[in-house]
Amino acid sequence: MAVKVRIPTPLQKLTQDKAEVEIKATSIHHLIQELDKSYPGIKQRICDEQGNLRRFVNVFLNEEDIRFLKKEQTPLKDGDEVSILPAIAGG
C-alpha cells in the first residue's frame, strides 16, 4: 500500500530535501515506523518518548485531521495522502 506523505520544510533535511515521499503502510502508526526506517530520526522529531505524536504535530489524512478519526490507529489504503504539519503559535 503506497501512501504519499507530505513532509514539512523543517523535516526535509531528514528526507534528503524531499517535500513528498511514498511509504507503504497500513496505519498512521505503521507509517511513522516505516518513515523512521527510511529516514532515521524523523520519528524522534514528531513523536514523544512514549511513541505518541507530539501535541504540536498535526497529521492529516486526505485533508482530515486524524485526531477526529482513530488517531495513530487510523487505517491507510493505497493512494491515500498524509500531511505532517507542525503547529504554529503566535500572538
PDB file of N, CA and C in Angstrom:
ATOM      1  N   MET A   1       0.831  -1.183   0.000  1.00  0.00           N
ATOM      2  CA  MET A   1       0.000   0.000   0.000  1.00  0.00           C
ATOM      3  C   MET A   1       0.874   1.244   0.000  1.00  0.00           C
ATOM      4  N   ALA A   2       0.958   1.925  -1.109  1.00  0.00           N
ATOM      5  CA  ALA A   2       1.762   3.135  -1.178  1.00  0.00           C
ATOM      6  C   ALA A   2       0.928   4.339  -0.780  1.00  0.00           C
ATOM      7  N   VAL A   3       1.465   5.101   0.153  1.00  0.00           N
ATOM      8  CA  VAL A   3       0.826   6.310   0.656  1.00  0.00           C
ATOM      9  C   VAL A   3       1.767   7.473   0.396  1.00  0.00           C
ATOM     10  N   LYS A   4       1.225   8.569  -0.122  1.00  0.00           N
ATOM     11  CA  LYS A   4       2.026   9.768  -0.349  1.00  0.00           C
ATOM     12  C   LYS A   4       2.067  10.570   0.947  1.00  0.00           C
ATOM     13  N   VAL A   5       3.272  10.946   1.380  1.00  0.00           N
ATOM     14  CA  VAL A   5       3.437  11.684   2.628  1.00  0.00           C
ATOM     15  C   VAL A   5       4.073  13.032   2.317  1.00  0.00           C
ATOM     16  N   ARG A   6       3.387  14.106   2.704  1.00  0.00           N
ATOM     17  CA  ARG A   6       3.929  15.460   2.542  1.00  0.00           C
ATOM     18  C   ARG A   6       4.747  15.790   3.785  1.00  0.00           C
ATOM     19  N   ILE A   7       5.984  16.174   3.569  1.00  0.00           N
ATOM     20  CA  ILE A   7       6.927  16.434   4.651  1.00  0.00           C
ATOM     21  C   ILE A   7       7.085  17.944   4.827  1.00  0.00           C
ATOM     22  N   PRO A   8       6.950  18.451   6.061  1.00  0.00           N
ATOM     23  CA  PRO A   8       7.119  19.895   6.269  1.00  0.00           C
ATOM     24  C   PRO A   8       8.583  20.299   6.082  1.00  0.00           C
ATOM     25  N   THR A   9       8.800  21.522   5.682  1.00  0.00           N
ATOM     26  CA  THR A   9      10.139  22.035   5.397  1.00  0.00           C
ATOM     27  C   THR A   9      11.149  21.751   6.508  1.00  0.00           C
ATOM     28  N   PRO A  10      10.825  21.963   7.795  1.00  0.00           N
ATOM     29  CA  PRO A  10      11.824  21.703   8.834  1.00  0.00           C
ATOM     30  C   PRO A  10      12.311  20.246   8.899  1.00  0.00           C
ATOM     31  N   LEU A  11      11.528  19.302   8.377  1.00  0.00           N
ATOM     32  CA  LEU A  11      11.920  17.894   8.423  1.00  0.00           C
ATOM     33  C   LEU A  11      12.529  17.395   7.111  1.00  0.00           C
ATOM     34  N   GLN A  12      12.523  18.223   6.095  1.00  0.00           N
ATOM     35  CA  GLN A  12      13.005  17.783   4.788  1.00  0.00           C
ATOM     36  C   GLN A  12      14.495  17.473   4.761  1.00  0.00           C
ATOM     37  N   LYS A  13      15.261  18.002   5.708  1.00  0.00           N
ATOM     38  CA  LYS A  13      16.683  17.648   5.748  1.00  0.00           C
ATOM     39  C   LYS A  13      16.856  16.165   6.090  1.00  0.00           C
ATOM     40  N   LEU A  14      15.855  15.577   6.751  1.00  0.00           N
ATOM     41  CA  LEU A  14      15.892  14.152   7.069  1.00  0.00           C
ATOM     42  C   LEU A  14      15.466  13.278   5.891  1.00  0.00           C
ATOM     43  N   THR A  15      14.757  13.864   4.921  1.00  0.00           N
ATOM     44  CA  THR A  15      14.268  13.123   3.757  1.00  0.00           C
ATOM     45  C   THR A  15      15.045  13.489   2.486  1.00  0.00           C
ATOM     46  N   GLN A  16      16.290  13.882   2.648  1.00  0.00           N
ATOM     47  CA  GLN A  16      17.140  14.296   1.521  1.00  0.00           C
ATOM     48  C   GLN A  16      16.481  15.414   0.709  1.00  0.00           C
ATOM     49  N   ASP A  17      15.886  16.380   1.419  1.00  0.00           N
ATOM     50  CA  ASP A  17      15.250  17.559   0.826  1.00  0.00           C
ATOM     51  C   ASP A  17      14.008  17.244  -0.007  1.00  0.00           C
ATOM     52  N   LYS A  18      13.400  16.100   0.227  1.00  0.00           N
ATOM     53  CA  LYS A  18      12.175  15.746  -0.495  1.00  0.00           C
ATOM     54  C   LYS A  18      10.968  16.299   0.254  1.00  0.00           C
ATOM     55  N   ALA A  19      10.079  16.971  -0.481  1.00  0.00           N
ATOM     56  CA  ALA A  19       8.857  17.506   0.104  1.00  0.00           C
ATOM     57  C   ALA A  19       7.768  16.443   0.171  1.00  0.00           C
ATOM     58  N   GLU A  20       7.888  15.403  -0.654  1.00  0.00           N
ATOM     59  CA  GLU A  20       6.949  14.288  -0.661  1.00  0.00           C
ATOM     60  C   GLU A  20       7.712  12.981  -0.781  1.00  0.00           C
ATOM     61  N   VAL A  21       7.254  11.995  -0.046  1.00  0.00           N
ATOM     62  CA  VAL A  21       7.832  10.655  -0.135  1.00  0.00           C
ATOM     63  C   VAL A  21       6.688   9.656  -0.215  1.00  0.00           C
ATOM     64  N   GLU A  22       6.971   8.461  -0.710  1.00  0.00           N
ATOM     65  CA  GLU A  22       5.970   7.398  -0.726  1.00  0.00           C
ATOM     66  C   GLU A  22       6.405   6.319   0.239  1.00  0.00           C
ATOM     67  N   ILE A  23       5.469   5.879   1.046  1.00  0.00           N
ATOM     68  CA  ILE A  23       5.727   4.871   2.069  1.00  0.00           C
ATOM     69  C   ILE A  23       4.614   3.828   1.998  1.00  0.00           C
ATOM     70  N   LYS A  24       4.982   2.572   2.189  1.00  0.00           N
ATOM     71  CA  LYS A  24       3.980   1.507   2.269  1.00  0.00           C
ATOM     72  C   LYS A  24       3.634   1.300   3.736  1.00  0.00           C
ATOM     73  N   ALA A  25       2.351   1.506   4.075  1.00  0.00           N
ATOM     74  CA  ALA A  25       1.916   1.385   5.466  1.00  0.00           C
ATOM     75  C   ALA A  25       0.420   1.115   5.516  1.00  0.00           C
ATOM     76  N   THR A  26      -0.018   0.492   6.613  1.00  0.00           N
ATOM     77  CA  THR A  26      -1.428   0.141   6.777  1.00  0.00           C
ATOM     78  C   THR A  26      -2.155   1.029   7.779  1.00  0.00           C
ATOM     79  N   SER A  27      -1.393   1.826   8.561  1.00  0.00           N
ATOM     80  CA  SER A  27      -1.986   2.746   9.537  1.00  0.00           C
ATOM     81  C   SER A  27      -1.016   3.901   9.745  1.00  0.00           C
ATOM     82  N   ILE A  28      -1.483   4.936  10.416  1.00  0.00           N
ATOM     83  CA  ILE A  28      -0.609   6.073  10.724  1.00  0.00           C
ATOM     84  C   ILE A  28       0.554   5.606  11.593  1.00  0.00           C
ATOM     85  N   HIS A  29       0.280   4.780  12.590  1.00  0.00           N
ATOM     86  CA  HIS A  29       1.336   4.246  13.458  1.00  0.00           C
ATOM     87  C   HIS A  29       2.381   3.500  12.625  1.00  0.00           C
ATOM     88  N   HIS A  30       1.935   2.639  11.743  1.00  0.00           N
ATOM     89  CA  HIS A  30       2.828   1.885  10.861  1.00  0.00           C
ATOM     90  C   HIS A  30       3.601   2.835   9.944  1.00  0.00           C
ATOM     91  N   LEU A  31       2.935   3.860   9.457  1.00  0.00           N
ATOM     92  CA  LEU A  31       3.570   4.847   8.582  1.00  0.00           C
ATOM     93  C   LEU A  31       4.746   5.529   9.292  1.00  0.00           C
ATOM     94  N   ILE A  32       4.554   5.898  10.544  1.00  0.00           N
ATOM     95  CA  ILE A  32       5.622   6.551  11.303  1.00  0.00           C
ATOM     96  C   ILE A  32       6.805   5.607  11.470  1.00  0.00           C
ATOM     97  N   GLN A  33       6.522   4.326  11.748  1.00  0.00           N
ATOM     98  CA  GLN A  33       7.594   3.333  11.888  1.00  0.00           C
ATOM     99  C   GLN A  33       8.375   3.197  10.573  1.00  0.00           C
ATOM    100  N   GLU A  34       7.657   3.112   9.472  1.00  0.00           N
ATOM    101  CA  GLU A  34       8.294   2.938   8.163  1.00  0.00           C
ATOM    102  C   GLU A  34       9.038   4.202   7.729  1.00  0.00           C
ATOM    103  N   LEU A  35       8.477   5.364   8.049  1.00  0.00           N
ATOM    104  CA  LEU A  35       9.178   6.622   7.755  1.00  0.00           C
ATOM    105  C   LEU A  35      10.530   6.644   8.468  1.00  0.00           C
ATOM    106  N   ASP A  36      10.522   6.232   9.733  1.00  0.00           N
ATOM    107  CA  ASP A  36      11.756   6.261  10.515  1.00  0.00           C
ATOM    108  C   ASP A  36      12.775   5.243  10.001  1.00  0.00           C
ATOM    109  N   LYS A  37      12.313   4.120   9.455  1.00  0.00           N
ATOM    110  CA  LYS A  37      13.237   3.146   8.861  1.00  0.00           C
ATOM    111  C   LYS A  37      13.913   3.738   7.628  1.00  0.00           C
ATOM    112  N   SER A  38      13.134   4.427   6.801  1.00  0.00           N
ATOM    113  CA  SER A  38      13.669   5.017   5.573  1.00  0.00           C
ATOM    114  C   SER A  38      14.419   6.316   5.822  1.00  0.00           C
ATOM    115  N   TYR A  39      13.975   7.064   6.828  1.00  0.00           N
ATOM    116  CA  TYR A  39      14.545   8.380   7.132  1.00  0.00           C
ATOM    117  C   TYR A  39      14.797   8.472   8.636  1.00  0.00           C
ATOM    118  N   PRO A  40      15.873   7.855   9.109  1.00  0.00           N
ATOM    119  CA  PRO A  40      16.163   7.813  10.548  1.00  0.00           C
ATOM    120  C   PRO A  40      16.150   9.204  11.201  1.00  0.00           C
ATOM    121  N   GLY A  41      15.511   9.258  12.370  1.00  0.00           N
ATOM    122  CA  GLY A  41      15.441  10.493  13.130  1.00  0.00           C
ATOM    123  C   GLY A  41      14.119  11.214  13.008  1.00  0.00           C
ATOM    124  N   ILE A  42      13.334  10.861  12.002  1.00  0.00           N
ATOM    125  CA  ILE A  42      12.075  11.590  11.799  1.00  0.00           C
ATOM    126  C   ILE A  42      11.070  11.284  12.919  1.00  0.00           C
ATOM    127  N   LYS A  43      11.041  10.034  13.396  1.00  0.00           N
ATOM    128  CA  LYS A  43      10.104   9.679  14.470  1.00  0.00           C
ATOM    129  C   LYS A  43      10.417  10.467  15.735  1.00  0.00           C
ATOM    130  N   GLN A  44      11.673  10.621  16.039  1.00  0.00           N
ATOM    131  CA  GLN A  44      12.087  11.372  17.231  1.00  0.00           C
ATOM    132  C   GLN A  44      11.607  12.819  17.167  1.00  0.00           C
ATOM    133  N   ARG A  45      11.529  13.362  15.968  1.00  0.00           N
ATOM    134  CA  ARG A  45      11.102  14.751  15.809  1.00  0.00           C
ATOM    135  C   ARG A  45       9.593  14.923  15.924  1.00  0.00           C
ATOM    136  N   ILE A  46       8.815  13.889  15.545  1.00  0.00           N
ATOM    137  CA  ILE A  46       7.361  14.060  15.547  1.00  0.00           C
ATOM    138  C   ILE A  46       6.654  13.299  16.670  1.00  0.00           C
ATOM    139  N   CYS A  47       7.378  12.405  17.353  1.00  0.00           N
ATOM    140  CA  CYS A  47       6.777  11.617  18.438  1.00  0.00           C
ATOM    141  C   CYS A  47       7.502  11.867  19.758  1.00  0.00           C
ATOM    142  N   ASP A  48       6.760  11.694  20.851  1.00  0.00           N
ATOM    143  CA  ASP A  48       7.356  11.835  22.183  1.00  0.00           C
ATOM    144  C   ASP A  48       8.048  10.533  22.594  1.00  0.00           C
ATOM    145  N   GLU A  49       8.528  10.480  23.828  1.00  0.00           N
ATOM    146  CA  GLU A  49       9.271   9.322  24.326  1.00  0.00           C
ATOM    147  C   GLU A  49       8.418   8.057  24.370  1.00  0.00           C
ATOM    148  N   GLN A  50       7.101   8.203  24.492  1.00  0.00           N
ATOM    149  CA  GLN A  50       6.199   7.059  24.513  1.00  0.00           C
ATOM    150  C   GLN A  50       5.795   6.593  23.112  1.00  0.00           C
ATOM    151  N   GLY A  51       6.244   7.316  22.097  1.00  0.00           N
ATOM    152  CA  GLY A  51       5.912   6.953  20.723  1.00  0.00           C
ATOM    153  C   GLY A  51       4.637   7.567  20.201  1.00  0.00           C
ATOM    154  N   ASN A  52       4.023   8.461  20.985  1.00  0.00           N
ATOM    155  CA  ASN A  52       2.801   9.142  20.555  1.00  0.00           C
ATOM    156  C   ASN A  52       3.163  10.437  19.826  1.00  0.00           C
ATOM    157  N   LEU A  53       2.298  10.829  18.906  1.00  0.00           N
ATOM    158  CA  LEU A  53       2.539  12.091  18.208  1.00  0.00           C
ATOM    159  C   LEU A  53       2.625  13.235  19.210  1.00  0.00           C
ATOM    160  N   ARG A  54       3.579  14.109  18.984  1.00  0.00           N
ATOM    161  CA  ARG A  54       3.717  15.286  19.854  1.00  0.00           C
ATOM    162  C   ARG A  54       2.498  16.180  19.688  1.00  0.00           C
ATOM    163  N   ARG A  55       2.173  16.916  20.758  1.00  0.00           N
ATOM    164  CA  ARG A  55       0.989  17.793  20.746  1.00  0.00           C
ATOM    165  C   ARG A  55       1.035  18.825  19.629  1.00  0.00           C
ATOM    166  N   PHE A  56       2.217  19.297  19.291  1.00  0.00           N
ATOM    167  CA  PHE A  56       2.328  20.370  18.297  1.00  0.00           C
ATOM    168  C   PHE A  56       2.482  19.851  16.872  1.00  0.00           C
ATOM    169  N   VAL A  57       2.327  18.560  16.676  1.00  0.00           N
ATOM    170  CA  VAL A  57       2.400  17.975  15.331  1.00  0.00           C
ATOM    171  C   VAL A  57       0.989  17.555  14.922  1.00  0.00           C
ATOM    172  N   ASN A  58       0.543  18.088  13.803  1.00  0.00           N
ATOM    173  CA  ASN A  58      -0.766  17.738  13.267  1.00  0.00           C
ATOM    174  C   ASN A  58      -0.578  16.822  12.063  1.00  0.00           C
ATOM    175  N   VAL A  59      -1.400  15.788  11.985  1.00  0.00           N
ATOM    176  CA  VAL A  59      -1.336  14.859  10.858  1.00  0.00           C
ATOM    177  C   VAL A  59      -2.720  14.813  10.220  1.00  0.00           C
ATOM    178  N   PHE A  60      -2.726  14.950   8.908  1.00  0.00           N
ATOM    179  CA  PHE A  60      -3.966  14.940   8.150  1.00  0.00           C
ATOM    180  C   PHE A  60      -3.947  13.786   7.160  1.00  0.00           C
ATOM    181  N   LEU A  61      -5.049  13.070   7.091  1.00  0.00           N
ATOM    182  CA  LEU A  61      -5.238  12.010   6.112  1.00  0.00           C
ATOM    183  C   LEU A  61      -6.253  12.510   5.110  1.00  0.00           C
ATOM    184  N   ASN A  62      -5.818  12.675   3.874  1.00  0.00           N
ATOM    185  CA  ASN A  62      -6.708  13.205   2.825  1.00  0.00           C
ATOM    186  C   ASN A  62      -7.435  14.467   3.307  1.00  0.00           C
ATOM    187  N   GLU A  63      -6.671  15.361   3.928  1.00  0.00           N
ATOM    188  CA  GLU A  63      -7.126  16.664   4.406  1.00  0.00           C
ATOM    189  C   GLU A  63      -8.037  16.605   5.636  1.00  0.00           C
ATOM    190  N   GLU A  64      -8.126  15.438   6.298  1.00  0.00           N
ATOM    191  CA  GLU A  64      -8.912  15.328   7.529  1.00  0.00           C
ATOM    192  C   GLU A  64      -7.978  15.041   8.696  1.00  0.00           C
ATOM    193  N   ASP A  65      -8.131  15.805   9.763  1.00  0.00           N
ATOM    194  CA  ASP A  65      -7.295  15.673  10.947  1.00  0.00           C
ATOM    195  C   ASP A  65      -7.498  14.296  11.579  1.00  0.00           C
ATOM    196  N   ILE A  66      -6.405  13.549  11.786  1.00  0.00           N
ATOM    197  CA  ILE A  66      -6.539  12.193  12.340  1.00  0.00           C
ATOM    198  C   ILE A  66      -7.028  12.206  13.781  1.00  0.00           C
ATOM    199  N   ARG A  67      -6.962  13.345  14.460  1.00  0.00           N
ATOM    200  CA  ARG A  67      -7.498  13.421  15.833  1.00  0.00           C
ATOM    201  C   ARG A  67      -9.003  13.182  15.845  1.00  0.00           C
ATOM    202  N   PHE A  68      -9.667  13.427  14.707  1.00  0.00           N
ATOM    203  CA  PHE A  68     -11.106  13.211  14.603  1.00  0.00           C
ATOM    204  C   PHE A  68     -11.426  11.869  13.958  1.00  0.00           C
ATOM    205  N   LEU A  69     -10.396  11.095  13.667  1.00  0.00           N
ATOM    206  CA  LEU A  69     -10.571   9.744  13.128  1.00  0.00           C
ATOM    207  C   LEU A  69     -10.180   8.764  14.238  1.00  0.00           C
ATOM    208  N   LYS A  70      -9.167   7.955  13.991  1.00  0.00           N
ATOM    209  CA  LYS A  70      -8.724   6.997  15.012  1.00  0.00           C
ATOM    210  C   LYS A  70      -7.290   7.279  15.455  1.00  0.00           C
ATOM    211  N   LYS A  71      -6.890   8.548  15.362  1.00  0.00           N
ATOM    212  CA  LYS A  71      -5.550   8.986  15.760  1.00  0.00           C
ATOM    213  C   LYS A  71      -4.492   8.119  15.090  1.00  0.00           C
ATOM    214  N   GLU A  72      -3.497   7.631  15.834  1.00  0.00           N
ATOM    215  CA  GLU A  72      -2.415   6.851  15.235  1.00  0.00           C
ATOM    216  C   GLU A  72      -2.888   5.504  14.684  1.00  0.00           C
ATOM    217  N   GLN A  73      -4.054   5.059  15.123  1.00  0.00           N
ATOM    218  CA  GLN A  73      -4.588   3.773  14.635  1.00  0.00           C
ATOM    219  C   GLN A  73      -5.423   3.935  13.360  1.00  0.00           C
ATOM    220  N   THR A  74      -5.500   5.148  12.834  1.00  0.00           N
ATOM    221  CA  THR A  74      -6.248   5.398  11.608  1.00  0.00           C
ATOM    222  C   THR A  74      -5.699   4.531  10.478  1.00  0.00           C
ATOM    223  N   PRO A  75      -6.555   3.724   9.851  1.00  0.00           N
ATOM    224  CA  PRO A  75      -6.073   2.868   8.760  1.00  0.00           C
ATOM    225  C   PRO A  75      -5.775   3.666   7.487  1.00  0.00           C
ATOM    226  N   LEU A  76      -4.862   3.133   6.701  1.00  0.00           N
ATOM    227  CA  LEU A  76      -4.482   3.743   5.427  1.00  0.00           C
ATOM    228  C   LEU A  76      -4.773   2.760   4.301  1.00  0.00           C
ATOM    229  N   LYS A  77      -5.018   3.319   3.114  1.00  0.00           N
ATOM    230  CA  LYS A  77      -5.194   2.475   1.935  1.00  0.00           C
ATOM    231  C   LYS A  77      -4.361   3.045   0.787  1.00  0.00           C
ATOM    232  N   ASP A  78      -4.138   2.235  -0.203  1.00  0.00           N
ATOM    233  CA  ASP A  78      -3.337   2.620  -1.346  1.00  0.00           C
ATOM    234  C   ASP A  78      -3.864   3.925  -1.953  1.00  0.00           C
ATOM    235  N   GLY A  79      -2.950   4.865  -2.181  1.00  0.00           N
ATOM    236  CA  GLY A  79      -3.326   6.136  -2.797  1.00  0.00           C
ATOM    237  C   GLY A  79      -3.674   7.243  -1.812  1.00  0.00           C
ATOM    238  N   ASP A  80      -3.741   6.935  -0.516  1.00  0.00           N
ATOM    239  CA  ASP A  80      -4.020   7.974   0.471  1.00  0.00           C
ATOM    240  C   ASP A  80      -2.898   9.014   0.489  1.00  0.00           C
ATOM    241  N   GLU A  81      -3.245  10.207   0.954  1.00  0.00           N
ATOM    242  CA  GLU A  81      -2.269  11.274   1.107  1.00  0.00           C
ATOM    243  C   GLU A  81      -2.252  11.725   2.558  1.00  0.00           C
ATOM    244  N   VAL A  82      -1.056  11.726   3.143  1.00  0.00           N
ATOM    245  CA  VAL A  82      -0.870  12.124   4.531  1.00  0.00           C
ATOM    246  C   VAL A  82      -0.010  13.379   4.556  1.00  0.00           C
ATOM    247  N   SER A  83      -0.440  14.356   5.334  1.00  0.00           N
ATOM    248  CA  SER A  83       0.329  15.586   5.517  1.00  0.00           C
ATOM    249  C   SER A  83       0.730  15.706   6.973  1.00  0.00           C
ATOM    250  N   ILE A  84       2.012  15.972   7.200  1.00  0.00           N
ATOM    251  CA  ILE A  84       2.522  16.215   8.549  1.00  0.00           C
ATOM    252  C   ILE A  84       2.752  17.714   8.659  1.00  0.00           C
ATOM    253  N   LEU A  85       2.099  18.328   9.621  1.00  0.00           N
ATOM    254  CA  LEU A  85       2.208  19.789   9.774  1.00  0.00           C
ATOM    255  C   LEU A  85       2.538  20.162  11.203  1.00  0.00           C
ATOM    256  N   PRO A  86       3.634  20.897  11.398  1.00  0.00           N
ATOM    257  CA  PRO A  86       3.900  21.391  12.748  1.00  0.00           C
ATOM    258  C   PRO A  86       2.929  22.537  13.064  1.00  0.00           C
ATOM    259  N   ALA A  87       2.436  22.553  14.297  1.00  0.00           N
ATOM    260  CA  ALA A  87       1.535  23.629  14.712  1.00  0.00           C
ATOM    261  C   ALA A  87       2.336  24.930  14.801  1.00  0.00           C
ATOM    262  N   ILE A  88       1.683  26.022  14.482  1.00  0.00           N
ATOM    263  CA  ILE A  88       2.336  27.326  14.549  1.00  0.00           C
ATOM    264  C   ILE A  88       1.592  28.161  15.577  1.00  0.00           C
ATOM    265  N   ALA A  89       2.347  28.732  16.493  1.00  0.00           N
ATOM    266  CA  ALA A  89       1.746  29.564  17.531  1.00  0.00           C
ATOM    267  C   ALA A  89       2.269  30.990  17.385  1.00  0.00           C
ATOM    268  N   GLY A  90       1.485  31.886  17.809  1.00  0.00           N
ATOM    269  CA  GLY A  90       1.905  33.280  17.723  1.00  0.00           C
ATOM    270  C   GLY A  90       0.958  34.150  18.531  1.00  0.00           C
ATOM    271  N   GLY A  91       1.303  35.386  18.582  1.00  0.00           N
ATOM    272  CA  GLY A  91       0.403  36.219  19.364  1.00  0.00           C
ATOM    273  C   GLY A  91       0.540  37.654  19.018  1.00  0.00           C
TER     274      GLY A  91
END
